[in-house]
Protein backbone atom coordinates (compact mmCIF):
# COMPACT_ATOMS: atom_id res chain seq x y z
CA UNK A 1 -38.73 -10.73 -9.73
CA UNK A 2 -40.37 -10.50 -6.31
CA UNK A 3 -38.63 -13.71 -5.24
CA UNK A 4 -35.26 -12.16 -6.06
CA UNK A 5 -35.97 -9.12 -3.86
CA UNK A 6 -37.13 -11.33 -0.98
CA UNK A 7 -34.00 -13.47 -1.29
CA UNK A 8 -31.73 -10.42 -1.24
CA UNK A 9 -33.59 -9.03 1.78
CA UNK A 10 -33.26 -12.36 3.59
CA UNK A 11 -29.53 -12.57 2.81
CA UNK A 12 -28.99 -9.01 4.10
CA UNK A 13 -30.93 -9.72 7.30
CA UNK A 14 -28.93 -12.88 7.97
CA UNK A 15 -25.65 -11.05 7.25
CA UNK A 16 -26.48 -8.24 9.67
CA UNK A 17 -27.77 -10.63 12.36
CA UNK A 18 -24.68 -12.84 12.22
CA UNK A 19 -22.29 -9.89 12.11
CA UNK A 20 -23.47 -8.67 15.52
CA UNK A 21 -23.93 -12.06 17.19
CA UNK A 22 -20.98 -13.78 18.71
CA UNK A 23 -19.33 -15.30 21.71
CA UNK A 24 -16.03 -13.59 22.54
CA UNK A 25 -13.38 -14.12 25.21
CA UNK A 26 -10.79 -11.47 26.06
CA UNK A 27 -8.16 -12.64 28.54
CA UNK A 28 -7.35 -9.80 30.94
CA UNK A 29 -3.88 -10.01 32.44
CA UNK A 30 -0.77 -8.16 33.46
CA UNK A 31 0.76 -7.19 36.79
CA UNK A 32 -1.29 -4.03 37.28
CA UNK A 33 -4.35 -3.82 39.51
CA UNK A 34 -7.70 -3.54 37.72
CA UNK A 35 -9.52 -0.29 38.43
CA UNK A 36 -13.29 0.10 38.65
CA UNK A 37 -15.02 1.25 35.48
CA UNK A 38 -15.98 4.52 37.21
CA UNK A 39 -12.34 5.67 37.47
CA UNK A 40 -11.03 7.93 34.70
CA UNK A 41 -7.75 7.23 32.99
CA UNK A 42 -5.53 7.92 30.00
CA UNK A 43 -5.72 5.58 27.03
CA UNK A 44 -2.35 3.85 26.63
CA UNK A 45 -3.06 0.97 24.23
CA UNK A 46 -5.64 -0.76 22.09
CA UNK A 47 -5.85 -3.80 19.87
CA UNK A 48 -8.35 -5.51 17.64
CA UNK A 49 -8.96 -9.18 18.40
CA UNK A 50 -9.99 -11.51 15.59
CA UNK A 51 -12.17 -14.59 16.01
CA UNK A 52 -13.44 -17.36 13.74
CA UNK A 53 -16.73 -19.23 13.95
CA UNK A 54 -18.73 -16.37 15.49
CA UNK A 55 -16.21 -15.72 18.24
CA UNK A 56 -15.66 -19.30 19.34
CA UNK A 57 -12.06 -19.60 18.12
CA UNK A 58 -9.56 -16.75 18.68
CA UNK A 59 -7.23 -16.04 15.76
CA UNK A 60 -3.99 -14.94 17.36
CA UNK A 61 -3.41 -13.56 20.84
CA UNK A 62 -6.58 -12.40 22.58
CA UNK A 63 -4.96 -11.38 25.88
CA UNK A 64 -4.03 -7.98 27.27
CA UNK A 65 -0.70 -9.13 28.75
CA UNK A 66 1.40 -7.45 26.05
CA UNK A 67 -0.62 -4.21 26.18
CA UNK A 68 -0.18 -3.37 29.87
CA UNK A 69 3.21 -1.80 30.60
CA UNK A 70 5.28 -3.20 33.47
CA UNK A 71 5.30 0.26 35.10
CA UNK A 72 1.50 0.61 35.19
CA UNK A 73 0.12 0.21 38.68
CA UNK A 74 -3.62 0.45 37.99
CA UNK A 75 -5.48 0.01 34.70
CA UNK A 76 -9.03 -0.06 33.38
CA UNK A 77 -9.88 -2.36 30.46
CA UNK A 78 -12.77 -1.73 28.07
CA UNK A 79 -14.00 -4.06 25.38
CA UNK A 80 -16.00 -2.53 22.57
CA UNK A 81 -17.77 -3.55 19.43
CA UNK A 82 -17.04 -0.50 17.27
CA UNK A 83 -18.31 0.69 13.90
CA UNK A 84 -15.12 -0.50 12.14
CA UNK A 85 -15.59 -3.92 13.78
CA UNK A 86 -19.15 -4.02 12.44
CA UNK A 87 -18.01 -3.07 8.92
CA UNK A 88 -15.22 -5.66 8.96
CA UNK A 89 -17.72 -8.30 10.04
CA UNK A 90 -20.13 -7.46 7.23
CA UNK A 91 -17.37 -7.92 4.64
CA UNK A 92 -16.01 -11.13 6.22
CA UNK A 93 -19.38 -12.75 6.90
CA UNK A 94 -18.75 -15.50 4.33
CA UNK A 95 -15.64 -16.52 6.30
CA UNK A 96 -17.39 -16.11 9.68
CA UNK A 97 -14.61 -13.89 11.02
CA UNK A 98 -15.57 -11.54 13.87
CA UNK A 99 -13.60 -8.66 15.37
CA UNK A 100 -13.66 -6.96 18.75
CA UNK A 101 -11.71 -3.95 20.07
CA UNK A 102 -9.93 -3.81 23.45
CA UNK A 103 -8.77 -0.52 24.99
CA UNK A 104 -6.44 -0.12 28.01
CA UNK A 105 -6.51 3.02 30.19
CA UNK A 106 -3.90 3.80 32.84
CA UNK A 107 -5.51 5.12 36.00
CA UNK A 108 -3.47 7.44 38.23
């Protein structure tokens, strides 16, 4: 019975370790100027990017081109690994799918 508990503990540790490890690429684009991270702004868009193989292969569009409005002159982009991303990754660990959240802020 002790072996069963050790195996479950090992599986849980591997699942948690692989759900937070990854190699992600977010392509930042658009016609607006990028603002420094110290400038405040209003959140105008966000999207969740999906990746396979621990972030090596993007599933779908991983760029911000479609998120930044044509009228925006200056934007700040933040990439986050949020609690929902973590929970999604725990449940998709057998498929090695990772998620990452991108937020766009318009700076005045």
